[in-house]
Amino acid sequence: MAGGRSLVRLDPVHRGERIEVWQARAYSVPVDPLLPLERMTEPYTAVATITIDAGTAYVQGMHGEMSRAIMRSFRARLRAIGVSRIRWQRQRARGVKQVEQEA
């Protein structure tokens, strides 16, 4: 994954032959995503688990808020690891909305 500062870091949890699982953390200020997680001192504003299968990222357990800037960074980080589609459920005041978008 490319270096540089980012509002989002992705950490691998499992990388199998077909399925990958990543932990995503979003920050309100740019951080170094290559810094070891145990050295991170900035608090994160959102966290989610991502399962990737055949170029589609399935986002689960999202907790927190993601600004438009964080969403742009999130999509860029996912594209950097080969994701082309993102699927998730968004909880809203009027129920749950299924969302599918390009990375």
PDB file of N, CA and C in Angstrom:
ATOM      1  N   MET A   1       0.850  -1.167   0.000  1.00  0.00           N
ATOM      2  CA  MET A   1       0.000   0.000   0.000  1.00  0.00           C
ATOM      3  C   MET A   1       0.893   1.227   0.000  1.00  0.00           C
ATOM      4  N   ALA A   2       0.496   2.232  -0.730  1.00  0.00           N
ATOM      5  CA  ALA A   2       1.279   3.453  -0.849  1.00  0.00           C
ATOM      6  C   ALA A   2       1.388   4.154   0.494  1.00  0.00           C
ATOM      7  N   GLY A   3       2.503   4.849   0.695  1.00  0.00           N
ATOM      8  CA  GLY A   3       2.737   5.591   1.927  1.00  0.00           C
ATOM      9  C   GLY A   3       2.146   6.979   1.852  1.00  0.00           C
ATOM     10  N   GLY A   4       2.767   7.926   2.537  1.00  0.00           N
ATOM     11  CA  GLY A   4       2.248   9.287   2.583  1.00  0.00           C
ATOM     12  C   GLY A   4       1.232   9.425   3.701  1.00  0.00           C
ATOM     13  N   ARG A   5       0.851  10.654   3.980  1.00  0.00           N
ATOM     14  CA  ARG A   5      -0.112  10.901   5.046  1.00  0.00           C
ATOM     15  C   ARG A   5      -1.534  10.718   4.527  1.00  0.00           C
ATOM     16  N   SER A   6      -2.408  10.247   5.397  1.00  0.00           N
ATOM     17  CA  SER A   6      -3.775   9.930   4.994  1.00  0.00           C
ATOM     18  C   SER A   6      -4.709  10.118   6.183  1.00  0.00           C
ATOM     19  N   LEU A   7      -5.978  10.325   5.908  1.00  0.00           N
ATOM     20  CA  LEU A   7      -6.995  10.387   6.960  1.00  0.00           C
ATOM     21  C   LEU A   7      -7.473   8.993   7.356  1.00  0.00           C
ATOM     22  N   VAL A   8      -7.027   7.973   6.618  1.00  0.00           N
ATOM     23  CA  VAL A   8      -7.468   6.595   6.866  1.00  0.00           C
ATOM     24  C   VAL A   8      -6.272   5.661   6.833  1.00  0.00           C
ATOM     25  N   ARG A   9      -6.265   4.709   7.757  1.00  0.00           N
ATOM     26  CA  ARG A   9      -5.272   3.637   7.688  1.00  0.00           C
ATOM     27  C   ARG A   9      -6.009   2.310   7.638  1.00  0.00           C
ATOM     28  N   LEU A  10      -5.444   1.383   6.899  1.00  0.00           N
ATOM     29  CA  LEU A  10      -5.975   0.026   6.794  1.00  0.00           C
ATOM     30  C   LEU A  10      -4.930  -0.932   7.334  1.00  0.00           C
ATOM     31  N   ASP A  11      -5.338  -1.792   8.248  1.00  0.00           N
ATOM     32  CA  ASP A  11      -4.436  -2.789   8.815  1.00  0.00           C
ATOM     33  C   ASP A  11      -4.973  -4.179   8.510  1.00  0.00           C
ATOM     34  N   PRO A  12      -4.129  -5.053   7.917  1.00  0.00           N
ATOM     35  CA  PRO A  12      -4.602  -6.400   7.592  1.00  0.00           C
ATOM     36  C   PRO A  12      -4.839  -7.226   8.855  1.00  0.00           C
ATOM     37  N   VAL A  13      -5.947  -7.940   8.870  1.00  0.00           N
ATOM     38  CA  VAL A  13      -6.272  -8.870   9.943  1.00  0.00           C
ATOM     39  C   VAL A  13      -6.044 -10.295   9.442  1.00  0.00           C
ATOM     40  N   HIS A  14      -6.472 -10.553   8.189  1.00  0.00           N
ATOM     41  CA  HIS A  14      -6.318 -11.871   7.560  1.00  0.00           C
ATOM     42  C   HIS A  14      -6.191 -11.672   6.053  1.00  0.00           C
ATOM     43  N   ARG A  15      -5.215 -12.344   5.457  1.00  0.00           N
ATOM     44  CA  ARG A  15      -5.046 -12.287   4.005  1.00  0.00           C
ATOM     45  C   ARG A  15      -4.971 -13.712   3.482  1.00  0.00           C
ATOM     46  N   GLY A  16      -6.122 -14.222   3.058  1.00  0.00           N
ATOM     47  CA  GLY A  16      -6.200 -15.573   2.516  1.00  0.00           C
ATOM     48  C   GLY A  16      -6.044 -15.563   1.010  1.00  0.00           C
ATOM     49  N   GLU A  17      -6.200 -16.735   0.410  1.00  0.00           N
ATOM     50  CA  GLU A  17      -6.083 -16.846  -1.047  1.00  0.00           C
ATOM     51  C   GLU A  17      -7.170 -16.065  -1.760  1.00  0.00           C
ATOM     52  N   ARG A  18      -8.369 -16.043  -1.192  1.00  0.00           N
ATOM     53  CA  ARG A  18      -9.489 -15.373  -1.850  1.00  0.00           C
ATOM     54  C   ARG A  18     -10.070 -14.235  -1.018  1.00  0.00           C
ATOM     55  N   ILE A  19     -10.161 -14.425   0.277  1.00  0.00           N
ATOM     56  CA  ILE A  19     -10.796 -13.456   1.173  1.00  0.00           C
ATOM     57  C   ILE A  19      -9.728 -12.737   1.998  1.00  0.00           C
ATOM     58  N   GLU A  20      -9.895 -11.420   2.121  1.00  0.00           N
ATOM     59  CA  GLU A  20      -9.037 -10.623   2.998  1.00  0.00           C
ATOM     60  C   GLU A  20      -9.921  -9.891   3.997  1.00  0.00           C
ATOM     61  N   VAL A  21      -9.407  -9.704   5.209  1.00  0.00           N
ATOM     62  CA  VAL A  21     -10.109  -8.932   6.231  1.00  0.00           C
ATOM     63  C   VAL A  21      -9.164  -7.840   6.709  1.00  0.00           C
ATOM     64  N   TRP A  22      -9.673  -6.606   6.743  1.00  0.00           N
ATOM     65  CA  TRP A  22      -8.882  -5.446   7.147  1.00  0.00           C
ATOM     66  C   TRP A  22      -9.623  -4.678   8.239  1.00  0.00           C
ATOM     67  N   GLN A  23      -8.870  -3.987   9.068  1.00  0.00           N
ATOM     68  CA  GLN A  23      -9.433  -3.056  10.040  1.00  0.00           C
ATOM     69  C   GLN A  23      -9.153  -1.655   9.518  1.00  0.00           C
ATOM     70  N   ALA A  24     -10.180  -0.827   9.402  1.00  0.00           N
ATOM     71  CA  ALA A  24     -10.027   0.558   8.935  1.00  0.00           C
ATOM     72  C   ALA A  24     -10.210   1.496  10.120  1.00  0.00           C
ATOM     73  N   ARG A  25      -9.337   2.485  10.194  1.00  0.00           N
ATOM     74  CA  ARG A  25      -9.465   3.537  11.200  1.00  0.00           C
ATOM     75  C   ARG A  25      -9.387   4.873  10.487  1.00  0.00           C
ATOM     76  N   ALA A  26     -10.297   5.789  10.825  1.00  0.00           N
ATOM     77  CA  ALA A  26     -10.324   7.123  10.225  1.00  0.00           C
ATOM     78  C   ALA A  26      -9.913   8.150  11.277  1.00  0.00           C
ATOM     79  N   TYR A  27      -9.202   9.174  10.824  1.00  0.00           N
ATOM     80  CA  TYR A  27      -8.679  10.211  11.716  1.00  0.00           C
ATOM     81  C   TYR A  27      -9.113  11.585  11.226  1.00  0.00           C
ATOM     82  N   SER A  28      -9.209  12.549  12.135  1.00  0.00           N
ATOM     83  CA  SER A  28      -9.608  13.907  11.758  1.00  0.00           C
ATOM     84  C   SER A  28      -8.444  14.701  11.183  1.00  0.00           C
ATOM     85  N   VAL A  29      -7.217  14.218  11.389  1.00  0.00           N
ATOM     86  CA  VAL A  29      -6.020  14.852  10.825  1.00  0.00           C
ATOM     87  C   VAL A  29      -5.226  13.786  10.074  1.00  0.00           C
ATOM     88  N   PRO A  30      -4.453  14.165   9.059  1.00  0.00           N
ATOM     89  CA  PRO A  30      -3.657  13.167   8.329  1.00  0.00           C
ATOM     90  C   PRO A  30      -2.637  12.481   9.246  1.00  0.00           C
ATOM     91  N   VAL A  31      -2.518  11.176   9.089  1.00  0.00           N
ATOM     92  CA  VAL A  31      -1.564  10.374   9.854  1.00  0.00           C
ATOM     93  C   VAL A  31      -0.701   9.580   8.882  1.00  0.00           C
ATOM     94  N   ASP A  32       0.379   9.019   9.396  1.00  0.00           N
ATOM     95  CA  ASP A  32       1.240   8.151   8.595  1.00  0.00           C
ATOM     96  C   ASP A  32       0.687   6.728   8.686  1.00  0.00           C
ATOM     97  N   PRO A  33       0.053   6.214   7.622  1.00  0.00           N
ATOM     98  CA  PRO A  33      -0.554   4.880   7.698  1.00  0.00           C
ATOM     99  C   PRO A  33       0.470   3.752   7.766  1.00  0.00           C
ATOM    100  N   LEU A  34       1.740   4.066   7.544  1.00  0.00           N
ATOM    101  CA  LEU A  34       2.775   3.034   7.625  1.00  0.00           C
ATOM    102  C   LEU A  34       3.387   2.937   9.020  1.00  0.00           C
ATOM    103  N   LEU A  35       3.053   3.889   9.899  1.00  0.00           N
ATOM    104  CA  LEU A  35       3.528   3.841  11.277  1.00  0.00           C
ATOM    105  C   LEU A  35       2.897   2.625  11.954  1.00  0.00           C
ATOM    106  N   PRO A  36       3.682   1.831  12.689  1.00  0.00           N
ATOM    107  CA  PRO A  36       3.081   0.675  13.366  1.00  0.00           C
ATOM    108  C   PRO A  36       1.908   1.116  14.250  1.00  0.00           C
ATOM    109  N   LEU A  37       0.857   0.335  14.256  1.00  0.00           N
ATOM    110  CA  LEU A  37      -0.356   0.692  14.985  1.00  0.00           C
ATOM    111  C   LEU A  37      -0.068   1.000  16.452  1.00  0.00           C
ATOM    112  N   GLU A  38       0.832   0.248  17.070  1.00  0.00           N
ATOM    113  CA  GLU A  38       1.118   0.475  18.491  1.00  0.00           C
ATOM    114  C   GLU A  38       1.794   1.827  18.748  1.00  0.00           C
ATOM    115  N   ARG A  39       2.275   2.481  17.686  1.00  0.00           N
ATOM    116  CA  ARG A  39       2.896   3.804  17.837  1.00  0.00           C
ATOM    117  C   ARG A  39       1.937   4.945  17.500  1.00  0.00           C
ATOM    118  N   MET A  40       0.729   4.615  17.081  1.00  0.00           N
ATOM    119  CA  MET A  40      -0.252   5.652  16.757  1.00  0.00           C
ATOM    120  C   MET A  40      -0.714   6.333  18.047  1.00  0.00           C
ATOM    121  N   THR A  41      -0.721   7.666  18.048  1.00  0.00           N
ATOM    122  CA  THR A  41      -1.159   8.412  19.227  1.00  0.00           C
ATOM    123  C   THR A  41      -2.418   9.235  18.965  1.00  0.00           C
ATOM    124  N   GLU A  42      -2.722   9.498  17.702  1.00  0.00           N
ATOM    125  CA  GLU A  42      -3.923  10.271  17.341  1.00  0.00           C
ATOM    126  C   GLU A  42      -5.163   9.425  17.602  1.00  0.00           C
ATOM    127  N   PRO A  43      -6.191   9.992  18.223  1.00  0.00           N
ATOM    128  CA  PRO A  43      -7.432   9.229  18.384  1.00  0.00           C
ATOM    129  C   PRO A  43      -8.156   9.097  17.047  1.00  0.00           C
ATOM    130  N   TYR A  44      -8.759   7.946  16.817  1.00  0.00           N
ATOM    131  CA  TYR A  44      -9.501   7.781  15.568  1.00  0.00           C
ATOM    132  C   TYR A  44     -10.950   8.209  15.770  1.00  0.00           C
ATOM    133  N   THR A  45     -11.581   8.660  14.671  1.00  0.00           N
ATOM    134  CA  THR A  45     -12.959   9.147  14.730  1.00  0.00           C
ATOM    135  C   THR A  45     -13.961   8.104  14.258  1.00  0.00           C
ATOM    136  N   ALA A  46     -13.488   7.099  13.540  1.00  0.00           N
ATOM    137  CA  ALA A  46     -14.361   6.024  13.061  1.00  0.00           C
ATOM    138  C   ALA A  46     -13.528   4.762  12.892  1.00  0.00           C
ATOM    139  N   VAL A  47     -14.187   3.623  13.034  1.00  0.00           N
ATOM    140  CA  VAL A  47     -13.529   2.334  12.866  1.00  0.00           C
ATOM    141  C   VAL A  47     -14.517   1.374  12.199  1.00  0.00           C
ATOM    142  N   ALA A  48     -13.990   0.475  11.377  1.00  0.00           N
ATOM    143  CA  ALA A  48     -14.834  -0.519  10.705  1.00  0.00           C
ATOM    144  C   ALA A  48     -13.994  -1.734  10.353  1.00  0.00           C
ATOM    145  N   THR A  49     -14.661  -2.853  10.172  1.00  0.00           N
ATOM    146  CA  THR A  49     -14.034  -4.061   9.654  1.00  0.00           C
ATOM    147  C   THR A  49     -14.444  -4.189   8.193  1.00  0.00           C
ATOM    148  N   ILE A  50     -13.484  -4.550   7.349  1.00  0.00           N
ATOM    149  CA  ILE A  50     -13.733  -4.660   5.915  1.00  0.00           C
ATOM    150  C   ILE A  50     -13.335  -6.053   5.453  1.00  0.00           C
ATOM    151  N   THR A  51     -14.264  -6.740   4.796  1.00  0.00           N
ATOM    152  CA  THR A  51     -13.982  -8.027   4.169  1.00  0.00           C
ATOM    153  C   THR A  51     -13.920  -7.788   2.669  1.00  0.00           C
ATOM    154  N   ILE A  52     -12.852  -8.254   2.031  1.00  0.00           N
ATOM    155  CA  ILE A  52     -12.680  -8.046   0.596  1.00  0.00           C
ATOM    156  C   ILE A  52     -12.738  -9.396  -0.112  1.00  0.00           C
ATOM    157  N   ASP A  53     -13.592  -9.457  -1.130  1.00  0.00           N
ATOM    158  CA  ASP A  53     -13.746 -10.663  -1.939  1.00  0.00           C
ATOM    159  C   ASP A  53     -13.925 -10.227  -3.387  1.00  0.00           C
ATOM    160  N   ALA A  54     -13.051 -10.697  -4.258  1.00  0.00           N
ATOM    161  CA  ALA A  54     -13.141 -10.434  -5.703  1.00  0.00           C
ATOM    162  C   ALA A  54     -13.269  -8.946  -6.025  1.00  0.00           C
ATOM    163  N   GLY A  55     -12.482  -8.128  -5.345  1.00  0.00           N
ATOM    164  CA  GLY A  55     -12.458  -6.700  -5.647  1.00  0.00           C
ATOM    165  C   GLY A  55     -13.577  -5.883  -5.038  1.00  0.00           C
ATOM    166  N   THR A  56     -14.455  -6.526  -4.251  1.00  0.00           N
ATOM    167  CA  THR A  56     -15.527  -5.809  -3.568  1.00  0.00           C
ATOM    168  C   THR A  56     -15.239  -5.776  -2.076  1.00  0.00           C
ATOM    169  N   ALA A  57     -15.327  -4.578  -1.484  1.00  0.00           N
ATOM    170  CA  ALA A  57     -15.138  -4.404  -0.045  1.00  0.00           C
ATOM    171  C   ALA A  57     -16.501  -4.375   0.628  1.00  0.00           C
ATOM    172  N   TYR A  58     -16.697  -5.247   1.608  1.00  0.00           N
ATOM    173  CA  TYR A  58     -17.924  -5.286   2.403  1.00  0.00           C
ATOM    174  C   TYR A  58     -17.590  -4.675   3.758  1.00  0.00           C
ATOM    175  N   VAL A  59     -18.156  -3.503   4.036  1.00  0.00           N
ATOM    176  CA  VAL A  59     -17.854  -2.764   5.262  1.00  0.00           C
ATOM    177  C   VAL A  59     -18.852  -3.183   6.333  1.00  0.00           C
ATOM    178  N   GLN A  60     -18.329  -3.589   7.497  1.00  0.00           N
ATOM    179  CA  GLN A  60     -19.173  -4.035   8.600  1.00  0.00           C
ATOM    180  C   GLN A  60     -18.761  -3.333   9.882  1.00  0.00           C
ATOM    181  N   GLY A  61     -19.710  -3.187  10.775  1.00  0.00           N
ATOM    182  CA  GLY A  61     -19.421  -2.688  12.112  1.00  0.00           C
ATOM    183  C   GLY A  61     -18.860  -1.280  12.150  1.00  0.00           C
ATOM    184  N   MET A  62     -19.258  -0.450  11.209  1.00  0.00           N
ATOM    185  CA  MET A  62     -18.775   0.934  11.194  1.00  0.00           C
ATOM    186  C   MET A  62     -19.268   1.653  12.443  1.00  0.00           C
ATOM    187  N   HIS A  63     -18.347   2.271  13.149  1.00  0.00           N
ATOM    188  CA  HIS A  63     -18.707   3.050  14.330  1.00  0.00           C
ATOM    189  C   HIS A  63     -17.997   4.388  14.243  1.00  0.00           C
ATOM    190  N   GLY A  64     -18.746   5.465  14.313  1.00  0.00           N
ATOM    191  CA  GLY A  64     -18.159   6.799  14.264  1.00  0.00           C
ATOM    192  C   GLY A  64     -18.647   7.573  13.056  1.00  0.00           C
ATOM    193  N   GLU A  65     -18.044   8.727  12.851  1.00  0.00           N
ATOM    194  CA  GLU A  65     -18.436   9.637  11.775  1.00  0.00           C
ATOM    195  C   GLU A  65     -17.332   9.724  10.726  1.00  0.00           C
ATOM    196  N   MET A  66     -17.741   9.787   9.454  1.00  0.00           N
ATOM    197  CA  MET A  66     -16.781   9.947   8.360  1.00  0.00           C
ATOM    198  C   MET A  66     -17.179  11.163   7.526  1.00  0.00           C
ATOM    199  N   SER A  67     -16.316  12.166   7.492  1.00  0.00           N
ATOM    200  CA  SER A  67     -16.551  13.364   6.685  1.00  0.00           C
ATOM    201  C   SER A  67     -16.360  13.030   5.205  1.00  0.00           C
ATOM    202  N   ARG A  68     -16.684  13.977   4.339  1.00  0.00           N
ATOM    203  CA  ARG A  68     -16.453  13.772   2.901  1.00  0.00           C
ATOM    204  C   ARG A  68     -14.964  13.569   2.617  1.00  0.00           C
ATOM    205  N   ALA A  69     -14.110  14.328   3.297  1.00  0.00           N
ATOM    206  CA  ALA A  69     -12.662  14.178   3.099  1.00  0.00           C
ATOM    207  C   ALA A  69     -12.202  12.787   3.528  1.00  0.00           C
ATOM    208  N   ILE A  70     -12.729  12.296   4.636  1.00  0.00           N
ATOM    209  CA  ILE A  70     -12.380  10.948   5.095  1.00  0.00           C
ATOM    210  C   ILE A  70     -12.879   9.916   4.087  1.00  0.00           C
ATOM    211  N   MET A  71     -14.086  10.100   3.554  1.00  0.00           N
ATOM    212  CA  MET A  71     -14.608   9.161   2.551  1.00  0.00           C
ATOM    213  C   MET A  71     -13.721   9.123   1.308  1.00  0.00           C
ATOM    214  N   ARG A  72     -13.237  10.280   0.861  1.00  0.00           N
ATOM    215  CA  ARG A  72     -12.328  10.300  -0.300  1.00  0.00           C
ATOM    216  C   ARG A  72     -11.053   9.525   0.015  1.00  0.00           C
ATOM    217  N   SER A  73     -10.510   9.743   1.198  1.00  0.00           N
ATOM    218  CA  SER A  73      -9.298   9.040   1.612  1.00  0.00           C
ATOM    219  C   SER A  73      -9.565   7.540   1.750  1.00  0.00           C
ATOM    220  N   PHE A  74     -10.716   7.181   2.301  1.00  0.00           N
ATOM    221  CA  PHE A  74     -11.116   5.784   2.472  1.00  0.00           C
ATOM    222  C   PHE A  74     -11.164   5.072   1.122  1.00  0.00           C
ATOM    223  N   ARG A  75     -11.836   5.699   0.142  1.00  0.00           N
ATOM    224  CA  ARG A  75     -11.918   5.097  -1.195  1.00  0.00           C
ATOM    225  C   ARG A  75     -10.533   4.975  -1.831  1.00  0.00           C
ATOM    226  N   ALA A  76      -9.694   5.990  -1.662  1.00  0.00           N
ATOM    227  CA  ALA A  76      -8.339   5.946  -2.232  1.00  0.00           C
ATOM    228  C   ALA A  76      -7.523   4.816  -1.614  1.00  0.00           C
ATOM    229  N   ARG A  77      -7.624   4.632  -0.297  1.00  0.00           N
ATOM    230  CA  ARG A  77      -6.876   3.549   0.370  1.00  0.00           C
ATOM    231  C   ARG A  77      -7.371   2.185  -0.138  1.00  0.00           C
ATOM    232  N   LEU A  78      -8.681   2.053  -0.310  1.00  0.00           N
ATOM    233  CA  LEU A  78      -9.213   0.781  -0.815  1.00  0.00           C
ATOM    234  C   LEU A  78      -8.781   0.530  -2.256  1.00  0.00           C
ATOM    235  N   ARG A  79      -8.803   1.561  -3.095  1.00  0.00           N
ATOM    236  CA  ARG A  79      -8.334   1.393  -4.483  1.00  0.00           C
ATOM    237  C   ARG A  79      -6.880   0.935  -4.499  1.00  0.00           C
ATOM    238  N   ALA A  80      -6.078   1.444  -3.563  1.00  0.00           N
ATOM    239  CA  ALA A  80      -4.651   1.100  -3.512  1.00  0.00           C
ATOM    240  C   ALA A  80      -4.420  -0.387  -3.233  1.00  0.00           C
ATOM    241  N   ILE A  81      -5.415  -1.063  -2.649  1.00  0.00           N
ATOM    242  CA  ILE A  81      -5.262  -2.505  -2.402  1.00  0.00           C
ATOM    243  C   ILE A  81      -6.130  -3.332  -3.352  1.00  0.00           C
ATOM    244  N   GLY A  82      -6.581  -2.709  -4.448  1.00  0.00           N
ATOM    245  CA  GLY A  82      -7.258  -3.454  -5.504  1.00  0.00           C
ATOM    246  C   GLY A  82      -8.772  -3.521  -5.433  1.00  0.00           C
ATOM    247  N   VAL A  83      -9.389  -2.720  -4.579  1.00  0.00           N
ATOM    248  CA  VAL A  83     -10.850  -2.722  -4.458  1.00  0.00           C
ATOM    249  C   VAL A  83     -11.460  -1.828  -5.531  1.00  0.00           C
ATOM    250  N   SER A  84     -12.519  -2.314  -6.170  1.00  0.00           N
ATOM    251  CA  SER A  84     -13.215  -1.497  -7.172  1.00  0.00           C
ATOM    252  C   SER A  84     -14.647  -1.147  -6.750  1.00  0.00           C
ATOM    253  N   ARG A  85     -15.252  -1.926  -5.835  1.00  0.00           N
ATOM    254  CA  ARG A  85     -16.624  -1.673  -5.362  1.00  0.00           C
ATOM    255  C   ARG A  85     -16.654  -1.718  -3.842  1.00  0.00           C
ATOM    256  N   ILE A  86     -17.543  -0.906  -3.264  1.00  0.00           N
ATOM    257  CA  ILE A  86     -17.735  -0.883  -1.814  1.00  0.00           C
ATOM    258  C   ILE A  86     -19.217  -1.116  -1.537  1.00  0.00           C
ATOM    259  N   ARG A  87     -19.511  -2.034  -0.606  1.00  0.00           N
ATOM    260  CA  ARG A  87     -20.903  -2.301  -0.207  1.00  0.00           C
ATOM    261  C   ARG A  87     -21.004  -2.191   1.306  1.00  0.00           C
ATOM    262  N   TRP A  88     -22.071  -1.538   1.768  1.00  0.00           N
ATOM    263  CA  TRP A  88     -22.349  -1.467   3.195  1.00  0.00           C
ATOM    264  C   TRP A  88     -23.788  -1.098   3.448  1.00  0.00           C
ATOM    265  N   GLN A  89     -24.188  -1.200   4.704  1.00  0.00           N
ATOM    266  CA  GLN A  89     -25.520  -0.779   5.126  1.00  0.00           C
ATOM    267  C   GLN A  89     -25.349   0.471   5.969  1.00  0.00           C
ATOM    268  N   ARG A  90     -26.151   1.489   5.668  1.00  0.00           N
ATOM    269  CA  ARG A  90     -26.104   2.716   6.455  1.00  0.00           C
ATOM    270  C   ARG A  90     -27.377   2.824   7.273  1.00  0.00           C
ATOM    271  N   GLN A  91     -27.209   2.967   8.572  1.00  0.00           N
ATOM    272  CA  GLN A  91     -28.353   3.153   9.453  1.00  0.00           C
ATOM    273  C   GLN A  91     -28.766   4.620   9.397  1.00  0.00           C
ATOM    274  N   ARG A  92     -30.043   4.841   9.159  1.00  0.00           N
ATOM    275  CA  ARG A  92     -30.569   6.202   9.073  1.00  0.00           C
ATOM    276  C   ARG A  92     -31.814   6.307   9.942  1.00  0.00           C
ATOM    277  N   ALA A  93     -32.303   7.521  10.127  1.00  0.00           N
ATOM    278  CA  ALA A  93     -33.493   7.736  10.958  1.00  0.00           C
ATOM    279  C   ALA A  93     -34.690   6.941  10.445  1.00  0.00           C
ATOM    280  N   ARG A  94     -34.768   6.742   9.122  1.00  0.00           N
ATOM    281  CA  ARG A  94     -35.901   6.025   8.527  1.00  0.00           C
ATOM    282  C   ARG A  94     -35.567   4.574   8.196  1.00  0.00           C
ATOM    283  N   GLY A  95     -34.576   4.016   8.829  1.00  0.00           N
ATOM    284  CA  GLY A  95     -34.252   2.618   8.583  1.00  0.00           C
ATOM    285  C   GLY A  95     -32.866   2.441   7.994  1.00  0.00           C
ATOM    286  N   VAL A  96     -32.617   1.251   7.476  1.00  0.00           N
ATOM    287  CA  VAL A  96     -31.304   0.890   6.948  1.00  0.00           C
ATOM    288  C   VAL A  96     -31.310   1.034   5.430  1.00  0.00           C
ATOM    289  N   LYS A  97     -30.255   1.628   4.897  1.00  0.00           N
ATOM    290  CA  LYS A  97     -30.125   1.802   3.454  1.00  0.00           C
ATOM    291  C   LYS A  97     -28.940   0.983   2.958  1.00  0.00           C
ATOM    292  N   GLN A  98     -29.174   0.151   1.936  1.00  0.00           N
ATOM    293  CA  GLN A  98     -28.097  -0.606   1.302  1.00  0.00           C
ATOM    294  C   GLN A  98     -27.354   0.338   0.364  1.00  0.00           C
ATOM    295  N   VAL A  99     -26.039   0.391   0.475  1.00  0.00           N
ATOM    296  CA  VAL A  99     -25.235   1.287  -0.355  1.00  0.00           C
ATOM    297  C   VAL A  99     -24.199   0.467  -1.109  1.00  0.00           C
ATOM    298  N   GLU A 100     -24.093   0.706  -2.412  1.00  0.00           N
ATOM    299  CA  GLU A 100     -23.015   0.133  -3.217  1.00  0.00           C
ATOM    300  C   GLU A 100     -22.465   1.265  -4.062  1.00  0.00           C
ATOM    301  N   GLN A 101     -21.132   1.427  -4.038  1.00  0.00           N
ATOM    302  CA  GLN A 101     -20.511   2.513  -4.779  1.00  0.00           C
ATOM    303  C   GLN A 101     -19.152   2.083  -5.316  1.00  0.00           C
ATOM    304  N   GLU A 102     -18.667   2.826  -6.300  1.00  0.00           N
ATOM    305  CA  GLU A 102     -17.325   2.576  -6.806  1.00  0.00           C
ATOM    306  C   GLU A 102     -16.318   3.047  -5.778  1.00  0.00           C
ATOM    307  N   ALA A 103     -15.182   2.372  -5.745  1.00  0.00           N
ATOM    308  CA  ALA A 103     -14.125   2.758  -4.801  1.00  0.00           C
ATOM    309  C   ALA A 103     -13.433   4.026  -5.247  1.00  0.00           C
TER     310      ALA A 103
END
